[in-house]
Amino acid sequence: MIGIIDYHLNNLRSVQKAFEKVGVQSFVSDTASELQKAERLVLPGVGAFGQAMENIRTLGLHEMLMNHAIAGRPLLGICLGMQLLFTKSYELGEYEGLGLVSGEVKLFPGSVKVPHMGWNQIEIVQQSPILKNVQEKSFVYFVHSYFVEPKENVTLSRTEYGNRFPSIIQQKNIYGIQFHPEKSQATGLQLLKNFSEL
């Protein structure tokens, strides 16, 4: 069973519906005791990094998330959720993230329009079970103003927009998708199906 974390800043229903579409059961909760029963967790998100981290702590979800990750169970961050996995963000200030993946979250360079919104391609740079049946140069749907800059070799795919940034990452049992798989048609659904089978 997949637990979708509600930290009161999320795009939850569309993520749950996407899992339904690939025949995977999931539930939405903002309660640590319920979520810790899930085999896999998904941290979706829209909104600001600082507020998201504050909500996660206020709701008592921080320790549960860390324990899940340390126990080696699959965890997937989507969009803002992926950024929260990292050490630090410079979105509207400077904020500490979950620190599960070493690296920082930075604003796109001034040479490109922000937010990065719409369809763009992924370039696969490292294979992983989460990329099973995902085609090279697939188009996926992005909406974000900040990108991650990992300190380690965790990038599975990257995308070009002003610079090359990681669009899918993996560090052991921790996965991140910068775009919205629930809005990315067949490619996005395949990624969610793959995550459910890890």
C-alpha atoms as a PDB file:
ATOM      1  CA  MET A   1       0.000   0.000   0.000  1.00  0.00           C
ATOM      2  CA  ILE A   2       1.190   3.506  -0.847  1.00  0.00           C
ATOM      3  CA  GLY A   3       0.737   6.370   1.607  1.00  0.00           C
ATOM      4  CA  ILE A   4       0.424   9.850   0.111  1.00  0.00           C
ATOM      5  CA  ILE A   5       1.572  12.457   2.623  1.00  0.00           C
ATOM      6  CA  ASP A   6      -0.789  15.378   3.158  1.00  0.00           C
ATOM      7  CA  TYR A   7       1.226  18.231   4.642  1.00  0.00           C
ATOM      8  CA  HIS A   8      -1.453  20.757   3.685  1.00  0.00           C
ATOM      9  CA  LEU A   9       0.356  22.104   0.598  1.00  0.00           C
ATOM     10  CA  ASN A  10      -0.135  19.212  -1.782  1.00  0.00           C
ATOM     11  CA  ASN A  11      -1.645  18.302  -5.084  1.00  0.00           C
ATOM     12  CA  LEU A  12      -3.068  15.097  -3.617  1.00  0.00           C
ATOM     13  CA  ARG A  13      -6.173  13.965  -5.469  1.00  0.00           C
ATOM     14  CA  SER A  14      -4.556  13.942  -8.928  1.00  0.00           C
ATOM     15  CA  VAL A  15      -1.628  11.868  -7.625  1.00  0.00           C
ATOM     16  CA  GLN A  16      -4.012   9.385  -6.008  1.00  0.00           C
ATOM     17  CA  LYS A  17      -6.078   9.191  -9.210  1.00  0.00           C
ATOM     18  CA  ALA A  18      -2.906   8.522 -11.246  1.00  0.00           C
ATOM     19  CA  PHE A  19      -2.074   5.553  -8.975  1.00  0.00           C
ATOM     20  CA  GLU A  20      -5.681   4.348  -9.361  1.00  0.00           C
ATOM     21  CA  LYS A  21      -5.252   4.493 -13.140  1.00  0.00           C
ATOM     22  CA  VAL A  22      -2.342   2.026 -12.987  1.00  0.00           C
ATOM     23  CA  GLY A  23      -4.239  -0.247 -10.583  1.00  0.00           C
ATOM     24  CA  VAL A  24      -2.339   0.695  -7.425  1.00  0.00           C
ATOM     25  CA  GLN A  25      -4.060   1.273  -4.092  1.00  0.00           C
ATOM     26  CA  SER A  26      -3.081   4.354  -2.122  1.00  0.00           C
ATOM     27  CA  PHE A  27      -4.403   6.447   0.749  1.00  0.00           C
ATOM     28  CA  VAL A  28      -3.965  10.094   1.743  1.00  0.00           C
ATOM     29  CA  SER A  29      -3.175  11.052   5.335  1.00  0.00           C
ATOM     30  CA  ASP A  30      -1.580  13.782   7.449  1.00  0.00           C
ATOM     31  CA  THR A  31      -1.162  11.444  10.458  1.00  0.00           C
ATOM     32  CA  ALA A  32       2.219   9.888  11.200  1.00  0.00           C
ATOM     33  CA  SER A  33       0.754   6.764  12.875  1.00  0.00           C
ATOM     34  CA  GLU A  34      -1.291   5.953   9.734  1.00  0.00           C
ATOM     35  CA  LEU A  35       1.458   6.767   7.249  1.00  0.00           C
ATOM     36  CA  GLN A  36       4.102   4.667   9.002  1.00  0.00           C
ATOM     37  CA  LYS A  37       2.051   1.548   8.131  1.00  0.00           C
ATOM     38  CA  ALA A  38       2.589   2.176   4.386  1.00  0.00           C
ATOM     39  CA  GLU A  39       5.195   0.115   2.519  1.00  0.00           C
ATOM     40  CA  ARG A  40       5.925   3.096   0.254  1.00  0.00           C
ATOM     41  CA  LEU A  41       5.470   6.825   0.807  1.00  0.00           C
ATOM     42  CA  VAL A  42       4.898   9.629  -1.682  1.00  0.00           C
ATOM     43  CA  LEU A  43       5.659  13.242  -0.792  1.00  0.00           C
ATOM     44  CA  PRO A  44       3.917  15.352  -3.456  1.00  0.00           C
ATOM     45  CA  GLY A  45       3.870  19.118  -3.348  1.00  0.00           C
ATOM     46  CA  VAL A  46       3.144  22.547  -4.651  1.00  0.00           C
ATOM     47  CA  GLY A  47       3.967  25.785  -2.855  1.00  0.00           C
ATOM     48  CA  ALA A  48       6.910  27.237  -0.958  1.00  0.00           C
ATOM     49  CA  PHE A  49       9.763  25.198   0.547  1.00  0.00           C
ATOM     50  CA  GLY A  50       9.905  26.993   3.926  1.00  0.00           C
ATOM     51  CA  GLN A  51       6.169  26.672   4.544  1.00  0.00           C
ATOM     52  CA  ALA A  52       6.262  23.008   3.516  1.00  0.00           C
ATOM     53  CA  MET A  53       9.017  22.177   6.020  1.00  0.00           C
ATOM     54  CA  GLU A  54       7.188  24.099   8.751  1.00  0.00           C
ATOM     55  CA  ASN A  55       3.975  22.143   8.054  1.00  0.00           C
ATOM     56  CA  ILE A  56       5.827  18.796   8.040  1.00  0.00           C
ATOM     57  CA  ARG A  57       7.283  19.568  11.481  1.00  0.00           C
ATOM     58  CA  THR A  58       4.028  21.004  12.896  1.00  0.00           C
ATOM     59  CA  LEU A  59       2.085  17.919  11.802  1.00  0.00           C
ATOM     60  CA  GLY A  60       4.666  15.637  13.433  1.00  0.00           C
ATOM     61  CA  LEU A  61       5.610  14.000  10.114  1.00  0.00           C
ATOM     62  CA  HIS A  62       9.352  14.732  10.162  1.00  0.00           C
ATOM     63  CA  GLU A  63      10.454  11.825  12.381  1.00  0.00           C
ATOM     64  CA  MET A  64       8.128   9.369  10.599  1.00  0.00           C
ATOM     65  CA  LEU A  65       9.580  10.362   7.215  1.00  0.00           C
ATOM     66  CA  MET A  66      13.158   9.988   8.433  1.00  0.00           C
ATOM     67  CA  ASN A  67      12.441   6.580  10.020  1.00  0.00           C
ATOM     68  CA  HIS A  68      10.780   5.351   6.806  1.00  0.00           C
ATOM     69  CA  ALA A  69      13.799   6.389   4.728  1.00  0.00           C
ATOM     70  CA  ILE A  70      16.374   5.002   7.185  1.00  0.00           C
ATOM     71  CA  ALA A  71      14.480   1.663   7.277  1.00  0.00           C
ATOM     72  CA  GLY A  72      15.176   1.345   3.528  1.00  0.00           C
ATOM     73  CA  ARG A  73      11.533   1.602   2.433  1.00  0.00           C
ATOM     74  CA  PRO A  74      10.803   3.377  -0.879  1.00  0.00           C
ATOM     75  CA  LEU A  75      10.111   7.112  -0.660  1.00  0.00           C
ATOM     76  CA  LEU A  76       9.181   9.279  -3.677  1.00  0.00           C
ATOM     77  CA  GLY A  77       9.223  13.082  -3.705  1.00  0.00           C
ATOM     78  CA  ILE A  78       7.315  14.837  -6.502  1.00  0.00           C
ATOM     79  CA  CYS A  79       8.075  18.447  -7.583  1.00  0.00           C
ATOM     80  CA  LEU A  80       8.378  20.418  -4.307  1.00  0.00           C
ATOM     81  CA  GLY A  81       8.387  17.038  -2.574  1.00  0.00           C
ATOM     82  CA  MET A  82      11.591  16.123  -4.435  1.00  0.00           C
ATOM     83  CA  GLN A  83      13.211  19.420  -3.398  1.00  0.00           C
ATOM     84  CA  LEU A  84      12.306  18.801   0.257  1.00  0.00           C
ATOM     85  CA  LEU A  85      14.467  15.646   0.199  1.00  0.00           C
ATOM     86  CA  PHE A  86      17.591  17.823  -0.132  1.00  0.00           C
ATOM     87  CA  THR A  87      19.753  19.568   2.467  1.00  0.00           C
ATOM     88  CA  LYS A  88      18.884  23.205   1.864  1.00  0.00           C
ATOM     89  CA  SER A  89      16.782  25.569  -0.253  1.00  0.00           C
ATOM     90  CA  TYR A  90      17.274  29.229  -1.168  1.00  0.00           C
ATOM     91  CA  GLU A  91      13.608  29.789  -2.027  1.00  0.00           C
ATOM     92  CA  LEU A  92      12.500  33.101  -0.459  1.00  0.00           C
ATOM     93  CA  GLY A  93      15.265  32.871   2.136  1.00  0.00           C
ATOM     94  CA  GLU A  94      17.372  29.967   3.371  1.00  0.00           C
ATOM     95  CA  TYR A  95      15.705  26.840   4.745  1.00  0.00           C
ATOM     96  CA  GLU A  96      16.862  23.442   5.937  1.00  0.00           C
ATOM     97  CA  GLY A  97      15.279  20.494   4.116  1.00  0.00           C
ATOM     98  CA  LEU A  98      14.924  16.869   5.171  1.00  0.00           C
ATOM     99  CA  GLY A  99      18.592  16.273   4.335  1.00  0.00           C
ATOM    100  CA  LEU A 100      18.008  12.768   2.971  1.00  0.00           C
ATOM    101  CA  VAL A 101      19.904  13.698  -0.207  1.00  0.00           C
ATOM    102  CA  SER A 102      22.941  15.974  -0.121  1.00  0.00           C
ATOM    103  CA  GLY A 103      22.514  19.141  -2.203  1.00  0.00           C
ATOM    104  CA  GLU A 104      20.774  22.478  -2.581  1.00  0.00           C
ATOM    105  CA  VAL A 105      17.678  23.941  -4.227  1.00  0.00           C
ATOM    106  CA  LYS A 106      18.326  27.048  -6.359  1.00  0.00           C
ATOM    107  CA  LEU A 107      16.415  29.516  -8.525  1.00  0.00           C
ATOM    108  CA  PHE A 108      16.698  29.184 -12.306  1.00  0.00           C
ATOM    109  CA  PRO A 109      19.099  31.688 -13.933  1.00  0.00           C
ATOM    110  CA  GLY A 110      17.702  35.049 -15.052  1.00  0.00           C
ATOM    111  CA  SER A 111      18.251  34.092 -18.704  1.00  0.00           C
ATOM    112  CA  VAL A 112      15.061  31.959 -18.729  1.00  0.00           C
ATOM    113  CA  LYS A 113      11.414  32.625 -17.960  1.00  0.00           C
ATOM    114  CA  VAL A 114      10.358  31.536 -14.468  1.00  0.00           C
ATOM    115  CA  PRO A 115       8.496  29.366 -13.707  1.00  0.00           C
ATOM    116  CA  HIS A 116       9.635  26.629 -16.053  1.00  0.00           C
ATOM    117  CA  MET A 117       6.175  25.553 -17.178  1.00  0.00           C
ATOM    118  CA  GLY A 118       5.004  23.079 -19.802  1.00  0.00           C
ATOM    119  CA  TRP A 119       6.326  20.053 -21.660  1.00  0.00           C
ATOM    120  CA  ASN A 120      10.049  19.298 -21.821  1.00  0.00           C
ATOM    121  CA  GLN A 121      12.215  16.250 -22.468  1.00  0.00           C
ATOM    122  CA  ILE A 122      14.183  14.007 -20.154  1.00  0.00           C
ATOM    123  CA  GLU A 123      17.639  12.711 -21.003  1.00  0.00           C
ATOM    124  CA  ILE A 124      18.355   9.438 -19.193  1.00  0.00           C
ATOM    125  CA  VAL A 125      21.894   9.390 -17.777  1.00  0.00           C
ATOM    126  CA  GLN A 126      21.710   6.399 -15.422  1.00  0.00           C
ATOM    127  CA  GLN A 127      19.446   3.346 -15.468  1.00  0.00           C
ATOM    128  CA  SER A 128      17.246   2.266 -12.556  1.00  0.00           C
ATOM    129  CA  PRO A 129      14.188   0.030 -12.012  1.00  0.00           C
ATOM    130  CA  ILE A 130      12.038   3.171 -11.684  1.00  0.00           C
ATOM    131  CA  LEU A 131      12.866   3.926 -15.363  1.00  0.00           C
ATOM    132  CA  LYS A 132      11.668   0.534 -16.653  1.00  0.00           C
ATOM    133  CA  ASN A 133       9.849   1.054 -20.008  1.00  0.00           C
ATOM    134  CA  VAL A 134      10.476   4.836 -19.879  1.00  0.00           C
ATOM    135  CA  GLN A 135      11.708   6.064 -23.242  1.00  0.00           C
ATOM    136  CA  GLU A 136      14.728   8.332 -23.742  1.00  0.00           C
ATOM    137  CA  LYS A 137      13.716  11.898 -24.729  1.00  0.00           C
ATOM    138  CA  SER A 138      10.167  11.411 -23.391  1.00  0.00           C
ATOM    139  CA  PHE A 139       8.187  14.616 -22.910  1.00  0.00           C
ATOM    140  CA  VAL A 140       6.923  15.312 -19.379  1.00  0.00           C
ATOM    141  CA  TYR A 141       5.092  18.206 -17.706  1.00  0.00           C
ATOM    142  CA  PHE A 142       6.940  20.703 -15.486  1.00  0.00           C
ATOM    143  CA  VAL A 143       5.814  23.593 -13.253  1.00  0.00           C
ATOM    144  CA  HIS A 144       8.663  24.913 -11.066  1.00  0.00           C
ATOM    145  CA  SER A 145      10.897  27.923 -10.468  1.00  0.00           C
ATOM    146  CA  TYR A 146      13.673  26.152  -8.536  1.00  0.00           C
ATOM    147  CA  PHE A 147      15.873  23.162  -9.382  1.00  0.00           C
ATOM    148  CA  VAL A 148      18.051  20.795  -7.346  1.00  0.00           C
ATOM    149  CA  GLU A 149      21.826  20.752  -7.427  1.00  0.00           C
ATOM    150  CA  PRO A 150      22.951  17.435  -5.886  1.00  0.00           C
ATOM    151  CA  LYS A 151      26.354  17.044  -4.233  1.00  0.00           C
ATOM    152  CA  GLU A 152      26.535  13.358  -5.212  1.00  0.00           C
ATOM    153  CA  ASN A 153      25.880  11.249  -8.299  1.00  0.00           C
ATOM    154  CA  VAL A 154      22.137  10.703  -7.810  1.00  0.00           C
ATOM    155  CA  THR A 155      20.829  11.950 -11.186  1.00  0.00           C
ATOM    156  CA  LEU A 156      18.886   9.406 -13.279  1.00  0.00           C
ATOM    157  CA  SER A 157      17.631  11.909 -15.860  1.00  0.00           C
ATOM    158  CA  ARG A 158      18.267  15.546 -16.606  1.00  0.00           C
ATOM    159  CA  THR A 159      16.436  18.252 -18.511  1.00  0.00           C
ATOM    160  CA  GLU A 160      17.633  21.371 -20.313  1.00  0.00           C
ATOM    161  CA  TYR A 161      16.166  24.743 -19.284  1.00  0.00           C
ATOM    162  CA  GLY A 162      18.649  27.586 -18.899  1.00  0.00           C
ATOM    163  CA  ASN A 163      21.016  24.907 -17.616  1.00  0.00           C
ATOM    164  CA  ARG A 164      20.883  21.145 -17.273  1.00  0.00           C
ATOM    165  CA  PHE A 165      19.139  20.148 -14.074  1.00  0.00           C
ATOM    166  CA  PRO A 166      18.186  16.761 -12.548  1.00  0.00           C
ATOM    167  CA  SER A 167      14.611  15.789 -13.445  1.00  0.00           C
ATOM    168  CA  ILE A 168      14.669  12.333 -11.790  1.00  0.00           C
ATOM    169  CA  ILE A 169      16.988  11.345  -8.927  1.00  0.00           C
ATOM    170  CA  GLN A 170      17.657   8.259  -6.833  1.00  0.00           C
ATOM    171  CA  GLN A 171      19.722   7.632  -3.741  1.00  0.00           C
ATOM    172  CA  LYS A 172      19.223   3.987  -2.708  1.00  0.00           C
ATOM    173  CA  ASN A 173      15.530   3.774  -1.647  1.00  0.00           C
ATOM    174  CA  ILE A 174      14.879   7.522  -2.050  1.00  0.00           C
ATOM    175  CA  TYR A 175      13.519   8.792  -5.375  1.00  0.00           C
ATOM    176  CA  GLY A 176      12.621  12.234  -6.680  1.00  0.00           C
ATOM    177  CA  ILE A 177      10.744  13.425  -9.759  1.00  0.00           C
ATOM    178  CA  GLN A 178      10.916  17.163 -10.493  1.00  0.00           C
ATOM    179  CA  PHE A 179       8.064  17.161 -13.013  1.00  0.00           C
ATOM    180  CA  HIS A 180       4.455  16.095 -12.395  1.00  0.00           C
ATOM    181  CA  PRO A 181       4.090  12.395 -13.319  1.00  0.00           C
ATOM    182  CA  GLU A 182       0.336  12.641 -12.690  1.00  0.00           C
ATOM    183  CA  LYS A 183       0.148  15.196 -15.532  1.00  0.00           C
ATOM    184  CA  SER A 184       2.716  13.544 -17.820  1.00  0.00           C
ATOM    185  CA  GLN A 185       0.460  11.009 -19.533  1.00  0.00           C
ATOM    186  CA  ALA A 186       1.898   7.542 -20.337  1.00  0.00           C
ATOM    187  CA  THR A 187       5.461   8.328 -19.181  1.00  0.00           C
ATOM    188  CA  GLY A 188       4.317   9.667 -15.823  1.00  0.00           C
ATOM    189  CA  LEU A 189       1.959   6.755 -15.224  1.00  0.00           C
ATOM    190  CA  GLN A 190       4.756   4.299 -16.062  1.00  0.00           C
ATOM    191  CA  LEU A 191       7.026   5.928 -13.470  1.00  0.00           C
ATOM    192  CA  LEU A 192       4.333   5.697 -10.779  1.00  0.00           C
ATOM    193  CA  LYS A 193       3.651   2.059 -11.697  1.00  0.00           C
ATOM    194  CA  ASN A 194       7.378   1.314 -11.521  1.00  0.00           C
ATOM    195  CA  PHE A 195       7.612   2.975  -8.080  1.00  0.00           C
ATOM    196  CA  SER A 196       4.727   0.831  -6.832  1.00  0.00           C
ATOM    197  CA  GLU A 197       6.610  -2.315  -7.926  1.00  0.00           C
ATOM    198  CA  LEU A 198      10.028  -1.499  -6.444  1.00  0.00           C
END
